[in-house]
């Protein structure tokens, strides 16, 4: 009788653990890394109807910020899973905050993405690295 009770209790416990969802108090989107030199950084990528790929980086550094280096790669999807870089752009700023803009004319329709790498430099020698990807269709 005792073995039966223990077996039933264990079966109930295993079933309860498998169906009760675990959850965090905040979503992953709300978690931000602590950045030493950066207050804000926003990136944008869009393709106009005529095929012009436009991208921007808008950053605001803290008082420790000595400037930024921005790299943007425009990539085209090939064979549904591969990405080929069709354009690469780099800019450097020595400002605490800046708005950087670039563009290129795309030759063919398809799925494109902009791969951003923003490095915000600081007086302590530490560099904040912010990376993002934005995908757009050109048809």
C-alpha atoms as a PDB file:
ATOM      1  CA  UNK A   1       0.000   0.000   0.000  1.00  0.00           C
ATOM      2  CA  UNK A   2       2.807   2.372   0.903  1.00  0.00           C
ATOM      3  CA  UNK A   3       4.637   1.704  -2.398  1.00  0.00           C
ATOM      4  CA  UNK A   4       1.410   2.383  -4.298  1.00  0.00           C
ATOM      5  CA  UNK A   5       0.943   5.742  -2.542  1.00  0.00           C
ATOM      6  CA  UNK A   6       4.531   6.762  -3.191  1.00  0.00           C
ATOM      7  CA  UNK A   7       4.258   5.659  -6.834  1.00  0.00           C
ATOM      8  CA  UNK A   8       1.041   7.628  -7.303  1.00  0.00           C
ATOM      9  CA  UNK A   9       2.542  10.686  -5.629  1.00  0.00           C
ATOM     10  CA  UNK A  10       5.662  10.522  -7.837  1.00  0.00           C
ATOM     11  CA  UNK A  11       3.537  10.082 -10.986  1.00  0.00           C
ATOM     12  CA  UNK A  12       1.408  13.089 -10.001  1.00  0.00           C
ATOM     13  CA  UNK A  13       4.510  15.154  -9.253  1.00  0.00           C
ATOM     14  CA  UNK A  14       6.128  14.296 -12.597  1.00  0.00           C
ATOM     15  CA  UNK A  15       2.938  15.115 -14.476  1.00  0.00           C
ATOM     16  CA  UNK A  16       2.518  18.418 -12.620  1.00  0.00           C
ATOM     17  CA  UNK A  17       6.110  19.489 -13.307  1.00  0.00           C
ATOM     18  CA  UNK A  18       5.764  18.707 -17.013  1.00  0.00           C
ATOM     19  CA  UNK A  19       2.582  20.769 -17.517  1.00  0.00           C
ATOM     20  CA  UNK A  20       3.234  23.787 -15.297  1.00  0.00           C
ATOM     21  CA  UNK A  21       4.950  26.360 -17.518  1.00  0.00           C
ATOM     22  CA  UNK A  22       8.036  28.108 -16.257  1.00  0.00           C
ATOM     23  CA  UNK A  23       8.111  31.821 -16.910  1.00  0.00           C
ATOM     24  CA  UNK A  24      10.421  34.734 -16.327  1.00  0.00           C
ATOM     25  CA  UNK A  25       9.349  38.032 -14.841  1.00  0.00           C
ATOM     26  CA  UNK A  26      10.437  39.999 -17.947  1.00  0.00           C
ATOM     27  CA  UNK A  27      10.483  39.180 -21.623  1.00  0.00           C
ATOM     28  CA  UNK A  28      13.782  38.797 -23.435  1.00  0.00           C
ATOM     29  CA  UNK A  29      13.064  41.974 -25.431  1.00  0.00           C
ATOM     30  CA  UNK A  30      13.114  44.004 -22.208  1.00  0.00           C
ATOM     31  CA  UNK A  31      16.587  42.856 -21.190  1.00  0.00           C
ATOM     32  CA  UNK A  32      19.268  45.325 -22.213  1.00  0.00           C
ATOM     33  CA  UNK A  33      23.002  44.928 -21.734  1.00  0.00           C
ATOM     34  CA  UNK A  34      24.731  47.524 -19.590  1.00  0.00           C
ATOM     35  CA  UNK A  35      26.697  49.794 -21.888  1.00  0.00           C
ATOM     36  CA  UNK A  36      29.466  51.996 -20.573  1.00  0.00           C
ATOM     37  CA  UNK A  37      29.574  54.676 -23.278  1.00  0.00           C
ATOM     38  CA  UNK A  38      26.128  54.538 -24.878  1.00  0.00           C
ATOM     39  CA  UNK A  39      22.792  56.004 -23.825  1.00  0.00           C
ATOM     40  CA  UNK A  40      20.912  55.175 -27.028  1.00  0.00           C
ATOM     41  CA  UNK A  41      21.539  53.623 -30.406  1.00  0.00           C
ATOM     42  CA  UNK A  42      18.915  53.182 -33.128  1.00  0.00           C
ATOM     43  CA  UNK A  43      19.388  51.661 -36.582  1.00  0.00           C
ATOM     44  CA  UNK A  44      17.040  51.767 -39.571  1.00  0.00           C
ATOM     45  CA  UNK A  45      16.988  50.074 -42.978  1.00  0.00           C
ATOM     46  CA  UNK A  46      14.506  50.552 -45.797  1.00  0.00           C
ATOM     47  CA  UNK A  47      14.292  49.932 -49.534  1.00  0.00           C
ATOM     48  CA  UNK A  48      12.418  52.409 -51.716  1.00  0.00           C
ATOM     49  CA  UNK A  49      10.151  51.356 -54.583  1.00  0.00           C
ATOM     50  CA  UNK A  50      12.937  52.231 -57.042  1.00  0.00           C
ATOM     51  CA  UNK A  51      15.420  49.918 -55.263  1.00  0.00           C
ATOM     52  CA  UNK A  52      17.419  52.426 -53.261  1.00  0.00           C
ATOM     53  CA  UNK A  53      18.607  50.868 -49.983  1.00  0.00           C
ATOM     54  CA  UNK A  54      18.786  53.509 -47.247  1.00  0.00           C
ATOM     55  CA  UNK A  55      20.169  52.966 -43.766  1.00  0.00           C
ATOM     56  CA  UNK A  56      20.773  55.144 -40.742  1.00  0.00           C
ATOM     57  CA  UNK A  57      22.490  54.902 -37.391  1.00  0.00           C
ATOM     58  CA  UNK A  58      21.507  57.361 -34.678  1.00  0.00           C
ATOM     59  CA  UNK A  59      23.516  57.130 -31.474  1.00  0.00           C
ATOM     60  CA  UNK A  60      23.759  59.162 -28.307  1.00  0.00           C
ATOM     61  CA  UNK A  61      26.811  58.563 -26.179  1.00  0.00           C
ATOM     62  CA  UNK A  62      27.410  59.286 -22.538  1.00  0.00           C
ATOM     63  CA  UNK A  63      30.002  61.805 -21.362  1.00  0.00           C
ATOM     64  CA  UNK A  64      32.649  59.081 -21.642  1.00  0.00           C
ATOM     65  CA  UNK A  65      31.970  58.677 -25.382  1.00  0.00           C
ATOM     66  CA  UNK A  66      34.798  59.709 -27.710  1.00  0.00           C
ATOM     67  CA  UNK A  67      33.148  58.694 -30.986  1.00  0.00           C
ATOM     68  CA  UNK A  68      31.916  55.750 -32.990  1.00  0.00           C
ATOM     69  CA  UNK A  69      32.791  53.421 -35.831  1.00  0.00           C
ATOM     70  CA  UNK A  70      29.860  52.097 -37.845  1.00  0.00           C
ATOM     71  CA  UNK A  71      29.910  49.239 -40.329  1.00  0.00           C
ATOM     72  CA  UNK A  72      26.870  48.335 -42.415  1.00  0.00           C
ATOM     73  CA  UNK A  73      26.751  45.377 -44.786  1.00  0.00           C
ATOM     74  CA  UNK A  74      23.883  45.057 -47.258  1.00  0.00           C
ATOM     75  CA  UNK A  75      23.369  41.379 -47.992  1.00  0.00           C
ATOM     76  CA  UNK A  76      21.129  39.583 -50.496  1.00  0.00           C
ATOM     77  CA  UNK A  77      19.599  36.204 -49.717  1.00  0.00           C
ATOM     78  CA  UNK A  78      20.538  33.480 -52.178  1.00  0.00           C
ATOM     79  CA  UNK A  79      19.282  29.902 -52.319  1.00  0.00           C
ATOM     80  CA  UNK A  80      16.871  30.627 -49.437  1.00  0.00           C
ATOM     81  CA  UNK A  81      19.491  30.205 -46.694  1.00  0.00           C
ATOM     82  CA  UNK A  82      22.689  31.964 -47.760  1.00  0.00           C
ATOM     83  CA  UNK A  83      23.533  35.673 -47.605  1.00  0.00           C
ATOM     84  CA  UNK A  84      25.904  37.406 -50.018  1.00  0.00           C
ATOM     85  CA  UNK A  85      27.301  40.849 -49.226  1.00  0.00           C
ATOM     86  CA  UNK A  86      26.513  43.209 -52.112  1.00  0.00           C
ATOM     87  CA  UNK A  87      27.563  46.483 -50.473  1.00  0.00           C
ATOM     88  CA  UNK A  88      29.634  47.484 -47.461  1.00  0.00           C
ATOM     89  CA  UNK A  89      29.772  50.907 -45.834  1.00  0.00           C
ATOM     90  CA  UNK A  90      31.860  52.248 -42.973  1.00  0.00           C
ATOM     91  CA  UNK A  91      31.795  55.596 -41.222  1.00  0.00           C
ATOM     92  CA  UNK A  92      33.681  57.079 -38.304  1.00  0.00           C
ATOM     93  CA  UNK A  93      32.539  59.880 -36.038  1.00  0.00           C
ATOM     94  CA  UNK A  94      34.372  61.732 -33.276  1.00  0.00           C
ATOM     95  CA  UNK A  95      31.169  63.159 -31.823  1.00  0.00           C
ATOM     96  CA  UNK A  96      29.429  62.235 -28.566  1.00  0.00           C
ATOM     97  CA  UNK A  97      26.176  61.862 -30.532  1.00  0.00           C
ATOM     98  CA  UNK A  98      25.625  61.657 -34.262  1.00  0.00           C
ATOM     99  CA  UNK A  99      23.225  60.666 -37.039  1.00  0.00           C
ATOM    100  CA  UNK A 100      24.902  58.738 -39.858  1.00  0.00           C
ATOM    101  CA  UNK A 101      23.223  58.020 -43.203  1.00  0.00           C
ATOM    102  CA  UNK A 102      24.142  55.877 -46.169  1.00  0.00           C
ATOM    103  CA  UNK A 103      22.502  54.480 -49.279  1.00  0.00           C
ATOM    104  CA  UNK A 104      23.127  52.358 -52.336  1.00  0.00           C
ATOM    105  CA  UNK A 105      21.165  51.412 -55.434  1.00  0.00           C
ATOM    106  CA  UNK A 106      20.206  47.723 -55.564  1.00  0.00           C
ATOM    107  CA  UNK A 107      20.479  46.013 -58.945  1.00  0.00           C
ATOM    108  CA  UNK A 108      18.000  43.142 -58.514  1.00  0.00           C
ATOM    109  CA  UNK A 109      14.807  42.376 -56.640  1.00  0.00           C
ATOM    110  CA  UNK A 110      14.885  39.944 -53.738  1.00  0.00           C
ATOM    111  CA  UNK A 111      15.276  39.698 -49.989  1.00  0.00           C
ATOM    112  CA  UNK A 112      17.917  41.939 -48.487  1.00  0.00           C
ATOM    113  CA  UNK A 113      19.149  42.636 -44.996  1.00  0.00           C
ATOM    114  CA  UNK A 114      21.338  45.248 -43.402  1.00  0.00           C
ATOM    115  CA  UNK A 115      23.847  43.966 -40.868  1.00  0.00           C
ATOM    116  CA  UNK A 116      24.854  46.734 -38.465  1.00  0.00           C
ATOM    117  CA  UNK A 117      27.888  46.857 -36.210  1.00  0.00           C
ATOM    118  CA  UNK A 118      28.164  50.012 -34.118  1.00  0.00           C
ATOM    119  CA  UNK A 119      31.208  50.486 -31.922  1.00  0.00           C
ATOM    120  CA  UNK A 120      30.929  53.329 -29.396  1.00  0.00           C
ATOM    121  CA  UNK A 121      34.379  54.238 -28.071  1.00  0.00           C
ATOM    122  CA  UNK A 122      35.045  55.640 -24.617  1.00  0.00           C
ATOM    123  CA  UNK A 123      37.676  57.472 -22.591  1.00  0.00           C
ATOM    124  CA  UNK A 124      38.415  54.370 -20.473  1.00  0.00           C
ATOM    125  CA  UNK A 125      39.408  52.361 -23.539  1.00  0.00           C
ATOM    126  CA  UNK A 126      36.260  50.229 -23.355  1.00  0.00           C
ATOM    127  CA  UNK A 127      34.248  49.956 -26.578  1.00  0.00           C
ATOM    128  CA  UNK A 128      30.519  49.207 -26.563  1.00  0.00           C
ATOM    129  CA  UNK A 129      29.599  46.949 -29.485  1.00  0.00           C
ATOM    130  CA  UNK A 130      26.000  46.994 -30.694  1.00  0.00           C
ATOM    131  CA  UNK A 131      24.951  44.613 -33.485  1.00  0.00           C
ATOM    132  CA  UNK A 132      21.632  44.288 -35.272  1.00  0.00           C
ATOM    133  CA  UNK A 133      20.098  42.930 -38.497  1.00  0.00           C
ATOM    134  CA  UNK A 134      17.069  44.253 -40.354  1.00  0.00           C
ATOM    135  CA  UNK A 135      15.510  42.408 -43.296  1.00  0.00           C
ATOM    136  CA  UNK A 136      13.496  43.971 -46.144  1.00  0.00           C
ATOM    137  CA  UNK A 137      11.944  42.842 -49.428  1.00  0.00           C
ATOM    138  CA  UNK A 138      12.555  44.546 -52.776  1.00  0.00           C
ATOM    139  CA  UNK A 139      10.104  43.522 -55.458  1.00  0.00           C
END
